[in-house]
Amino acid sequence: MKVPQEEYSRILKEIESEDSPVGIDARHTHILILHKLLEMEKRLARIEEKLGE
């Protein structure tokens, strides 16, 4: 899955912490999960709009 660089950087800034020992793989995984959840949220909003909710 490709995450647009702008979105990747934005999410990375939100979850990055200098005080955390989180490795790069875990950070990358979280970014992918958050990106997909945001896509799903947008899709759900479009579906709800079509259903008139």
C-alpha atoms as a PDB file:
ATOM      1  CA  MET A   1       0.000   0.000   0.000  1.00  0.00           C
ATOM      2  CA  LYS A   2       1.322   3.422  -0.938  1.00  0.00           C
ATOM      3  CA  VAL A   3       0.720   6.348   1.402  1.00  0.00           C
ATOM      4  CA  PRO A   4       1.068   9.775  -0.224  1.00  0.00           C
ATOM      5  CA  GLN A   5       4.217  11.462   1.142  1.00  0.00           C
ATOM      6  CA  GLU A   6       2.310  14.491   2.421  1.00  0.00           C
ATOM      7  CA  GLU A   7      -0.133  12.278   4.334  1.00  0.00           C
ATOM      8  CA  TYR A   8       2.715  10.098   5.631  1.00  0.00           C
ATOM      9  CA  SER A   9       4.587  13.143   6.940  1.00  0.00           C
ATOM     10  CA  ARG A  10       1.466  14.620   8.533  1.00  0.00           C
ATOM     11  CA  ILE A  11       0.623  11.409  10.365  1.00  0.00           C
ATOM     12  CA  LEU A  12       4.259  10.872  11.362  1.00  0.00           C
ATOM     13  CA  LYS A  13       4.340  14.304  13.012  1.00  0.00           C
ATOM     14  CA  GLU A  14       1.226  13.393  15.008  1.00  0.00           C
ATOM     15  CA  ILE A  15       2.586  10.122  16.389  1.00  0.00           C
ATOM     16  CA  GLU A  16       6.282  10.920  16.634  1.00  0.00           C
ATOM     17  CA  SER A  17       7.764  11.273  20.103  1.00  0.00           C
ATOM     18  CA  GLU A  18      11.387  11.871  21.034  1.00  0.00           C
ATOM     19  CA  ASP A  19      10.660  10.326  24.440  1.00  0.00           C
ATOM     20  CA  SER A  20       9.413   7.040  22.985  1.00  0.00           C
ATOM     21  CA  PRO A  21      11.620   4.054  22.093  1.00  0.00           C
ATOM     22  CA  VAL A  22       9.254   3.073  19.242  1.00  0.00           C
ATOM     23  CA  GLY A  23      11.144   1.616  16.314  1.00  0.00           C
ATOM     24  CA  ILE A  24      10.723   2.623  12.690  1.00  0.00           C
ATOM     25  CA  ASP A  25       8.788  -0.519  11.772  1.00  0.00           C
ATOM     26  CA  ALA A  26       6.189   0.103  14.470  1.00  0.00           C
ATOM     27  CA  ARG A  27       5.920   3.762  13.450  1.00  0.00           C
ATOM     28  CA  HIS A  28       5.476   2.819   9.798  1.00  0.00           C
ATOM     29  CA  THR A  29       2.818   0.280  10.757  1.00  0.00           C
ATOM     30  CA  HIS A  30       0.895   2.872  12.756  1.00  0.00           C
ATOM     31  CA  ILE A  31       1.034   5.305   9.846  1.00  0.00           C
ATOM     32  CA  LEU A  32      -0.361   2.692   7.486  1.00  0.00           C
ATOM     33  CA  ILE A  33      -3.158   1.839   9.927  1.00  0.00           C
ATOM     34  CA  LEU A  34      -4.077   5.480  10.503  1.00  0.00           C
ATOM     35  CA  HIS A  35      -4.007   6.199   6.776  1.00  0.00           C
ATOM     36  CA  LYS A  36      -6.352   3.299   6.066  1.00  0.00           C
ATOM     37  CA  LEU A  37      -8.696   4.295   8.889  1.00  0.00           C
ATOM     38  CA  LEU A  38      -8.886   7.831   7.475  1.00  0.00           C
ATOM     39  CA  GLU A  39      -9.704   6.417   4.040  1.00  0.00           C
ATOM     40  CA  MET A  40     -12.420   4.250   5.577  1.00  0.00           C
ATOM     41  CA  GLU A  41     -13.848   7.211   7.495  1.00  0.00           C
ATOM     42  CA  LYS A  42     -14.117   9.246   4.286  1.00  0.00           C
ATOM     43  CA  ARG A  43     -15.707   6.334   2.450  1.00  0.00           C
ATOM     44  CA  LEU A  44     -18.233   5.796   5.241  1.00  0.00           C
ATOM     45  CA  ALA A  45     -19.145   9.498   5.181  1.00  0.00           C
ATOM     46  CA  ARG A  46     -19.810   9.280   1.424  1.00  0.00           C
ATOM     47  CA  ILE A  47     -21.970   6.180   1.897  1.00  0.00           C
ATOM     48  CA  GLU A  48     -23.948   7.810   4.718  1.00  0.00           C
ATOM     49  CA  GLU A  49     -24.446  10.909   2.585  1.00  0.00           C
ATOM     50  CA  LYS A  50     -25.865   8.791  -0.241  1.00  0.00           C
ATOM     51  CA  LEU A  51     -28.191   7.044   2.211  1.00  0.00           C
ATOM     52  CA  GLY A  52     -29.374  10.394   3.548  1.00  0.00           C
ATOM     53  CA  GLU A  53     -28.219   9.928   7.132  1.00  0.00           C
END
